[in-house]
Amino acid sequence: MPKHVCIDPQDPYAQREVLIEFGGSPFSIHLIRALDVWNVDILPDLVEEQRKDLKREIAADYNFRDQLAYPITGPAGNRSCA
């Protein structure tokens, strides 16, 4: 399974990272696990919007952005990953 380092969605200061294991295709990224700095899987604790943020970050880094079912935009409409 491919792995990717993303910003920890549970860190309000965006200073920690999580290791994301994912599968699927550019059309459908499937998150398998999200390991934090303590090697704990935090994926079950994430809400849907946090999961979407991780998928957007992966898609942006792998240039999948044009193939996602939802846009990669932040609250102000600008392109953003988190």
PDB file of N, CA and C in Angstrom:
ATOM      1  N   MET A   1       0.831  -1.181   0.000  1.00  0.00           N
ATOM      2  CA  MET A   1       0.000   0.000   0.000  1.00  0.00           C
ATOM      3  C   MET A   1       0.881   1.252   0.000  1.00  0.00           C
ATOM      4  N   PRO A   2       0.483   2.250  -0.774  1.00  0.00           N
ATOM      5  CA  PRO A   2       1.238   3.508  -0.743  1.00  0.00           C
ATOM      6  C   PRO A   2       1.088   4.206   0.603  1.00  0.00           C
ATOM      7  N   LYS A   3       2.104   4.976   0.947  1.00  0.00           N
ATOM      8  CA  LYS A   3       2.080   5.745   2.195  1.00  0.00           C
ATOM      9  C   LYS A   3       2.437   7.186   1.880  1.00  0.00           C
ATOM     10  N   HIS A   4       1.908   8.085   2.688  1.00  0.00           N
ATOM     11  CA  HIS A   4       2.148   9.507   2.471  1.00  0.00           C
ATOM     12  C   HIS A   4       2.129  10.222   3.821  1.00  0.00           C
ATOM     13  N   VAL A   5       3.010  11.187   4.001  1.00  0.00           N
ATOM     14  CA  VAL A   5       3.041  11.980   5.229  1.00  0.00           C
ATOM     15  C   VAL A   5       2.174  13.216   5.024  1.00  0.00           C
ATOM     16  N   CYS A   6       1.226  13.434   5.951  1.00  0.00           N
ATOM     17  CA  CYS A   6       0.312  14.577   5.900  1.00  0.00           C
ATOM     18  C   CYS A   6       0.350  15.320   7.233  1.00  0.00           C
ATOM     19  N   ILE A   7      -0.182  16.510   7.229  1.00  0.00           N
ATOM     20  CA  ILE A   7      -0.331  17.279   8.466  1.00  0.00           C
ATOM     21  C   ILE A   7      -1.377  16.581   9.333  1.00  0.00           C
ATOM     22  N   ASP A   8      -1.114  16.467  10.614  1.00  0.00           N
ATOM     23  CA  ASP A   8      -2.042  15.828  11.551  1.00  0.00           C
ATOM     24  C   ASP A   8      -3.297  16.689  11.683  1.00  0.00           C
ATOM     25  N   PRO A   9      -4.453  16.190  11.259  1.00  0.00           N
ATOM     26  CA  PRO A   9      -5.675  16.996  11.327  1.00  0.00           C
ATOM     27  C   PRO A   9      -6.155  17.267  12.750  1.00  0.00           C
ATOM     28  N   GLN A  10      -5.604  16.566  13.733  1.00  0.00           N
ATOM     29  CA  GLN A  10      -5.986  16.791  15.121  1.00  0.00           C
ATOM     30  C   GLN A  10      -5.073  17.793  15.823  1.00  0.00           C
ATOM     31  N   ASP A  11      -4.042  18.262  15.130  1.00  0.00           N
ATOM     32  CA  ASP A  11      -3.105  19.229  15.705  1.00  0.00           C
ATOM     33  C   ASP A  11      -3.537  20.637  15.310  1.00  0.00           C
ATOM     34  N   PRO A  12      -4.042  21.432  16.247  1.00  0.00           N
ATOM     35  CA  PRO A  12      -4.541  22.770  15.906  1.00  0.00           C
ATOM     36  C   PRO A  12      -3.449  23.718  15.409  1.00  0.00           C
ATOM     37  N   TYR A  13      -2.183  23.401  15.678  1.00  0.00           N
ATOM     38  CA  TYR A  13      -1.079  24.260  15.247  1.00  0.00           C
ATOM     39  C   TYR A  13      -0.399  23.755  13.976  1.00  0.00           C
ATOM     40  N   ALA A  14      -0.858  22.627  13.452  1.00  0.00           N
ATOM     41  CA  ALA A  14      -0.326  22.039  12.212  1.00  0.00           C
ATOM     42  C   ALA A  14       1.188  21.845  12.267  1.00  0.00           C
ATOM     43  N   GLN A  15       1.673  21.359  13.404  1.00  0.00           N
ATOM     44  CA  GLN A  15       3.106  21.124  13.565  1.00  0.00           C
ATOM     45  C   GLN A  15       3.463  19.638  13.540  1.00  0.00           C
ATOM     46  N   ARG A  16       2.488  18.780  13.787  1.00  0.00           N
ATOM     47  CA  ARG A  16       2.739  17.336  13.777  1.00  0.00           C
ATOM     48  C   ARG A  16       2.312  16.753  12.432  1.00  0.00           C
ATOM     49  N   GLU A  17       2.821  15.572  12.165  1.00  0.00           N
ATOM     50  CA  GLU A  17       2.472  14.886  10.931  1.00  0.00           C
ATOM     51  C   GLU A  17       1.937  13.497  11.254  1.00  0.00           C
ATOM     52  N   VAL A  18       1.204  12.939  10.309  1.00  0.00           N
ATOM     53  CA  VAL A  18       0.721  11.564  10.408  1.00  0.00           C
ATOM     54  C   VAL A  18       1.154  10.826   9.145  1.00  0.00           C
ATOM     55  N   LEU A  19       1.393   9.537   9.290  1.00  0.00           N
ATOM     56  CA  LEU A  19       1.728   8.698   8.149  1.00  0.00           C
ATOM     57  C   LEU A  19       0.444   8.024   7.686  1.00  0.00           C
ATOM     58  N   ILE A  20       0.020   8.344   6.480  1.00  0.00           N
ATOM     59  CA  ILE A  20      -1.229   7.823   5.935  1.00  0.00           C
ATOM     60  C   ILE A  20      -0.926   6.644   5.031  1.00  0.00           C
ATOM     61  N   GLU A  21      -1.595   5.537   5.271  1.00  0.00           N
ATOM     62  CA  GLU A  21      -1.557   4.402   4.361  1.00  0.00           C
ATOM     63  C   GLU A  21      -2.871   4.443   3.605  1.00  0.00           C
ATOM     64  N   PHE A  22      -2.789   4.398   2.274  1.00  0.00           N
ATOM     65  CA  PHE A  22      -4.007   4.531   1.482  1.00  0.00           C
ATOM     66  C   PHE A  22      -3.971   3.593   0.289  1.00  0.00           C
ATOM     67  N   GLY A  23      -5.116   3.432  -0.321  1.00  0.00           N
ATOM     68  CA  GLY A  23      -5.241   2.602  -1.509  1.00  0.00           C
ATOM     69  C   GLY A  23      -6.247   3.220  -2.450  1.00  0.00           C
ATOM     70  N   GLY A  24      -6.659   2.448  -3.416  1.00  0.00           N
ATOM     71  CA  GLY A  24      -7.633   2.934  -4.382  1.00  0.00           C
ATOM     72  C   GLY A  24      -6.966   3.474  -5.624  1.00  0.00           C
ATOM     73  N   SER A  25      -7.648   4.412  -6.248  1.00  0.00           N
ATOM     74  CA  SER A  25      -7.170   5.018  -7.483  1.00  0.00           C
ATOM     75  C   SER A  25      -7.286   6.527  -7.361  1.00  0.00           C
ATOM     76  N   PRO A  26      -6.793   7.260  -8.361  1.00  0.00           N
ATOM     77  CA  PRO A  26      -6.968   8.713  -8.319  1.00  0.00           C
ATOM     78  C   PRO A  26      -8.432   9.121  -8.241  1.00  0.00           C
ATOM     79  N   PHE A  27      -9.317   8.266  -8.714  1.00  0.00           N
ATOM     80  CA  PHE A  27     -10.743   8.581  -8.704  1.00  0.00           C
ATOM     81  C   PHE A  27     -11.384   8.305  -7.354  1.00  0.00           C
ATOM     82  N   SER A  28     -10.747   7.471  -6.554  1.00  0.00           N
ATOM     83  CA  SER A  28     -11.323   7.097  -5.268  1.00  0.00           C
ATOM     84  C   SER A  28     -10.204   6.716  -4.295  1.00  0.00           C
ATOM     85  N   ILE A  29      -9.706   7.695  -3.560  1.00  0.00           N
ATOM     86  CA  ILE A  29      -8.662   7.434  -2.573  1.00  0.00           C
ATOM     87  C   ILE A  29      -9.319   6.839  -1.334  1.00  0.00           C
ATOM     88  N   HIS A  30      -8.796   5.707  -0.892  1.00  0.00           N
ATOM     89  CA  HIS A  30      -9.334   5.006   0.277  1.00  0.00           C
ATOM     90  C   HIS A  30      -8.282   5.044   1.392  1.00  0.00           C
ATOM     91  N   LEU A  31      -8.617   5.681   2.504  1.00  0.00           N
ATOM     92  CA  LEU A  31      -7.699   5.758   3.642  1.00  0.00           C
ATOM     93  C   LEU A  31      -7.754   4.450   4.424  1.00  0.00           C
ATOM     94  N   ILE A  32      -6.607   3.882   4.703  1.00  0.00           N
ATOM     95  CA  ILE A  32      -6.542   2.611   5.428  1.00  0.00           C
ATOM     96  C   ILE A  32      -6.183   2.837   6.889  1.00  0.00           C
ATOM     97  N   ARG A  33      -5.158   3.644   7.131  1.00  0.00           N
ATOM     98  CA  ARG A  33      -4.797   3.992   8.504  1.00  0.00           C
ATOM     99  C   ARG A  33      -4.031   5.306   8.513  1.00  0.00           C
ATOM    100  N   ALA A  34      -4.036   5.950   9.670  1.00  0.00           N
ATOM    101  CA  ALA A  34      -3.327   7.217   9.869  1.00  0.00           C
ATOM    102  C   ALA A  34      -2.560   7.106  11.185  1.00  0.00           C
ATOM    103  N   LEU A  35      -1.268   6.895  11.084  1.00  0.00           N
ATOM    104  CA  LEU A  35      -0.442   6.693  12.275  1.00  0.00           C
ATOM    105  C   LEU A  35       0.157   8.015  12.733  1.00  0.00           C
ATOM    106  N   ASP A  36      -0.073   8.340  14.007  1.00  0.00           N
ATOM    107  CA  ASP A  36       0.467   9.590  14.553  1.00  0.00           C
ATOM    108  C   ASP A  36       1.908   9.375  15.022  1.00  0.00           C
ATOM    109  N   VAL A  37       2.473  10.376  15.683  1.00  0.00           N
ATOM    110  CA  VAL A  37       3.875  10.299  16.118  1.00  0.00           C
ATOM    111  C   VAL A  37       4.112   9.197  17.149  1.00  0.00           C
ATOM    112  N   TRP A  38       3.060   8.728  17.799  1.00  0.00           N
ATOM    113  CA  TRP A  38       3.173   7.647  18.786  1.00  0.00           C
ATOM    114  C   TRP A  38       2.825   6.302  18.165  1.00  0.00           C
ATOM    115  N   ASN A  39       2.679   6.265  16.837  1.00  0.00           N
ATOM    116  CA  ASN A  39       2.351   5.048  16.091  1.00  0.00           C
ATOM    117  C   ASN A  39       0.965   4.504  16.433  1.00  0.00           C
ATOM    118  N   VAL A  40       0.049   5.414  16.760  1.00  0.00           N
ATOM    119  CA  VAL A  40      -1.340   5.059  17.062  1.00  0.00           C
ATOM    120  C   VAL A  40      -2.196   5.422  15.853  1.00  0.00           C
ATOM    121  N   ASP A  41      -3.083   4.512  15.458  1.00  0.00           N
ATOM    122  CA  ASP A  41      -3.977   4.781  14.331  1.00  0.00           C
ATOM    123  C   ASP A  41      -5.087   5.728  14.786  1.00  0.00           C
ATOM    124  N   ILE A  42      -5.085   6.948  14.253  1.00  0.00           N
ATOM    125  CA  ILE A  42      -6.087   7.951  14.638  1.00  0.00           C
ATOM    126  C   ILE A  42      -7.249   8.014  13.649  1.00  0.00           C
ATOM    127  N   LEU A  43      -7.196   7.225  12.586  1.00  0.00           N
ATOM    128  CA  LEU A  43      -8.235   7.291  11.557  1.00  0.00           C
ATOM    129  C   LEU A  43      -9.650   7.093  12.111  1.00  0.00           C
ATOM    130  N   PRO A  44      -9.878   6.141  13.028  1.00  0.00           N
ATOM    131  CA  PRO A  44     -11.239   5.976  13.553  1.00  0.00           C
ATOM    132  C   PRO A  44     -11.759   7.199  14.316  1.00  0.00           C
ATOM    133  N   ASP A  45     -10.853   8.039  14.812  1.00  0.00           N
ATOM    134  CA  ASP A  45     -11.252   9.216  15.587  1.00  0.00           C
ATOM    135  C   ASP A  45     -11.535  10.445  14.723  1.00  0.00           C
ATOM    136  N   LEU A  46     -11.235  10.378  13.433  1.00  0.00           N
ATOM    137  CA  LEU A  46     -11.393  11.543  12.566  1.00  0.00           C
ATOM    138  C   LEU A  46     -12.821  11.666  12.048  1.00  0.00           C
ATOM    139  N   VAL A  47     -13.299  12.894  11.959  1.00  0.00           N
ATOM    140  CA  VAL A  47     -14.612  13.145  11.361  1.00  0.00           C
ATOM    141  C   VAL A  47     -14.450  13.175   9.845  1.00  0.00           C
ATOM    142  N   GLU A  48     -15.555  13.128   9.131  1.00  0.00           N
ATOM    143  CA  GLU A  48     -15.528  13.043   7.671  1.00  0.00           C
ATOM    144  C   GLU A  48     -14.752  14.196   7.029  1.00  0.00           C
ATOM    145  N   GLU A  49     -14.909  15.409   7.535  1.00  0.00           N
ATOM    146  CA  GLU A  49     -14.210  16.556   6.938  1.00  0.00           C
ATOM    147  C   GLU A  49     -12.691  16.425   7.100  1.00  0.00           C
ATOM    148  N   GLN A  50     -12.230  15.886   8.220  1.00  0.00           N
ATOM    149  CA  GLN A  50     -10.794  15.665   8.413  1.00  0.00           C
ATOM    150  C   GLN A  50     -10.274  14.599   7.449  1.00  0.00           C
ATOM    151  N   ARG A  51     -11.080  13.575   7.211  1.00  0.00           N
ATOM    152  CA  ARG A  51     -10.699  12.532   6.248  1.00  0.00           C
ATOM    153  C   ARG A  51     -10.609  13.118   4.836  1.00  0.00           C
ATOM    154  N   LYS A  52     -11.560  13.981   4.501  1.00  0.00           N
ATOM    155  CA  LYS A  52     -11.527  14.632   3.187  1.00  0.00           C
ATOM    156  C   LYS A  52     -10.289  15.509   3.044  1.00  0.00           C
ATOM    157  N   ASP A  53      -9.904  16.194   4.124  1.00  0.00           N
ATOM    158  CA  ASP A  53      -8.692  17.018   4.083  1.00  0.00           C
ATOM    159  C   ASP A  53      -7.461  16.161   3.774  1.00  0.00           C
ATOM    160  N   LEU A  54      -7.373  14.996   4.398  1.00  0.00           N
ATOM    161  CA  LEU A  54      -6.243  14.100   4.134  1.00  0.00           C
ATOM    162  C   LEU A  54      -6.249  13.637   2.680  1.00  0.00           C
ATOM    163  N   LYS A  55      -7.416  13.292   2.168  1.00  0.00           N
ATOM    164  CA  LYS A  55      -7.524  12.868   0.768  1.00  0.00           C
ATOM    165  C   LYS A  55      -7.134  13.999  -0.174  1.00  0.00           C
ATOM    166  N   ARG A  56      -7.543  15.217   0.157  1.00  0.00           N
ATOM    167  CA  ARG A  56      -7.170  16.369  -0.675  1.00  0.00           C
ATOM    168  C   ARG A  56      -5.658  16.579  -0.678  1.00  0.00           C
ATOM    169  N   GLU A  57      -5.052  16.435   0.489  1.00  0.00           N
ATOM    170  CA  GLU A  57      -3.604  16.624   0.587  1.00  0.00           C
ATOM    171  C   GLU A  57      -2.867  15.568  -0.235  1.00  0.00           C
ATOM    172  N   ILE A  58      -3.302  14.321  -0.144  1.00  0.00           N
ATOM    173  CA  ILE A  58      -2.701  13.247  -0.941  1.00  0.00           C
ATOM    174  C   ILE A  58      -2.911  13.522  -2.424  1.00  0.00           C
ATOM    175  N   ALA A  59      -4.127  13.871  -2.799  1.00  0.00           N
ATOM    176  CA  ALA A  59      -4.441  14.133  -4.205  1.00  0.00           C
ATOM    177  C   ALA A  59      -3.607  15.279  -4.758  1.00  0.00           C
ATOM    178  N   ALA A  60      -3.443  16.330  -3.977  1.00  0.00           N
ATOM    179  CA  ALA A  60      -2.660  17.483  -4.435  1.00  0.00           C
ATOM    180  C   ALA A  60      -1.197  17.096  -4.639  1.00  0.00           C
ATOM    181  N   ASP A  61      -0.654  16.315  -3.730  1.00  0.00           N
ATOM    182  CA  ASP A  61       0.751  15.920  -3.839  1.00  0.00           C
ATOM    183  C   ASP A  61       0.990  14.921  -4.966  1.00  0.00           C
ATOM    184  N   TYR A  62      -0.035  14.151  -5.326  1.00  0.00           N
ATOM    185  CA  TYR A  62       0.096  13.183  -6.406  1.00  0.00           C
ATOM    186  C   TYR A  62      -0.539  13.683  -7.698  1.00  0.00           C
ATOM    187  N   ASN A  63      -0.902  14.971  -7.730  1.00  0.00           N
ATOM    188  CA  ASN A  63      -1.528  15.585  -8.906  1.00  0.00           C
ATOM    189  C   ASN A  63      -2.808  14.873  -9.331  1.00  0.00           C
ATOM    190  N   PHE A  64      -3.601  14.429  -8.355  1.00  0.00           N
ATOM    191  CA  PHE A  64      -4.887  13.805  -8.635  1.00  0.00           C
ATOM    192  C   PHE A  64      -6.015  14.829  -8.601  1.00  0.00           C
ATOM    193  N   ARG A  65      -5.731  16.081  -8.331  1.00  0.00           N
ATOM    194  CA  ARG A  65      -6.761  17.068  -8.013  1.00  0.00           C
ATOM    195  C   ARG A  65      -7.867  17.160  -9.054  1.00  0.00           C
ATOM    196  N   ASP A  66      -7.571  16.976 -10.331  1.00  0.00           N
ATOM    197  CA  ASP A  66      -8.600  17.093 -11.360  1.00  0.00           C
ATOM    198  C   ASP A  66      -9.500  15.868 -11.409  1.00  0.00           C
ATOM    199  N   GLN A  67      -9.150  14.823 -10.700  1.00  0.00           N
ATOM    200  CA  GLN A  67      -9.890  13.578 -10.785  1.00  0.00           C
ATOM    201  C   GLN A  67     -10.708  13.269  -9.533  1.00  0.00           C
ATOM    202  N   LEU A  68     -10.691  14.169  -8.543  1.00  0.00           N
ATOM    203  CA  LEU A  68     -11.464  13.937  -7.327  1.00  0.00           C
ATOM    204  C   LEU A  68     -12.915  14.357  -7.509  1.00  0.00           C
ATOM    205  N   ALA A  69     -13.779  13.742  -6.758  1.00  0.00           N
ATOM    206  CA  ALA A  69     -15.202  14.069  -6.834  1.00  0.00           C
ATOM    207  C   ALA A  69     -15.528  15.358  -6.103  1.00  0.00           C
ATOM    208  N   TYR A  70     -14.628  15.862  -5.266  1.00  0.00           N
ATOM    209  CA  TYR A  70     -14.871  17.108  -4.550  1.00  0.00           C
ATOM    210  C   TYR A  70     -13.675  18.026  -4.764  1.00  0.00           C
ATOM    211  N   PRO A  71     -13.883  19.332  -4.758  1.00  0.00           N
ATOM    212  CA  PRO A  71     -12.806  20.266  -5.076  1.00  0.00           C
ATOM    213  C   PRO A  71     -11.769  20.367  -3.964  1.00  0.00           C
ATOM    214  N   ILE A  72     -10.569  20.762  -4.350  1.00  0.00           N
ATOM    215  CA  ILE A  72      -9.495  20.996  -3.393  1.00  0.00           C
ATOM    216  C   ILE A  72      -9.459  22.495  -3.139  1.00  0.00           C
ATOM    217  N   THR A  73     -10.345  22.957  -2.306  1.00  0.00           N
ATOM    218  CA  THR A  73     -10.379  24.384  -1.983  1.00  0.00           C
ATOM    219  C   THR A  73     -10.545  24.559  -0.493  1.00  0.00           C
ATOM    220  N   GLY A  74     -10.027  25.643   0.005  1.00  0.00           N
ATOM    221  CA  GLY A  74     -10.176  25.977   1.414  1.00  0.00           C
ATOM    222  C   GLY A  74     -11.425  26.801   1.621  1.00  0.00           C
ATOM    223  N   PRO A  75     -11.647  27.313   2.823  1.00  0.00           N
ATOM    224  CA  PRO A  75     -12.849  28.061   3.140  1.00  0.00           C
ATOM    225  C   PRO A  75     -13.019  29.322   2.300  1.00  0.00           C
ATOM    226  N   ALA A  76     -11.911  29.920   1.868  1.00  0.00           N
ATOM    227  CA  ALA A  76     -12.001  31.153   1.082  1.00  0.00           C
ATOM    228  C   ALA A  76     -12.020  30.862  -0.415  1.00  0.00           C
ATOM    229  N   GLY A  77     -12.058  29.605  -0.786  1.00  0.00           N
ATOM    230  CA  GLY A  77     -12.093  29.244  -2.191  1.00  0.00           C
ATOM    231  C   GLY A  77     -10.712  29.110  -2.823  1.00  0.00           C
ATOM    232  N   ASN A  78      -9.657  29.351  -2.046  1.00  0.00           N
ATOM    233  CA  ASN A  78      -8.313  29.216  -2.600  1.00  0.00           C
ATOM    234  C   ASN A  78      -7.848  27.774  -2.507  1.00  0.00           C
ATOM    235  N   ARG A  79      -6.929  27.402  -3.373  1.00  0.00           N
ATOM    236  CA  ARG A  79      -6.422  26.031  -3.347  1.00  0.00           C
ATOM    237  C   ARG A  79      -5.626  25.815  -2.070  1.00  0.00           C
ATOM    238  N   SER A  80      -5.963  24.747  -1.372  1.00  0.00           N
ATOM    239  CA  SER A  80      -5.329  24.477  -0.097  1.00  0.00           C
ATOM    240  C   SER A  80      -5.424  22.998   0.183  1.00  0.00           C
ATOM    241  N   CYS A  81      -4.500  22.474   0.994  1.00  0.00           N
ATOM    242  CA  CYS A  81      -4.507  21.048   1.331  1.00  0.00           C
ATOM    243  C   CYS A  81      -5.038  20.786   2.724  1.00  0.00           C
ATOM    244  N   ALA A  82      -5.000  21.749   3.583  1.00  0.00           N
ATOM    245  CA  ALA A  82      -5.446  21.494   4.955  1.00  0.00           C
ATOM    246  C   ALA A  82      -6.234  22.647   5.484  1.00  0.00           C
TER     247      ALA A  82
END
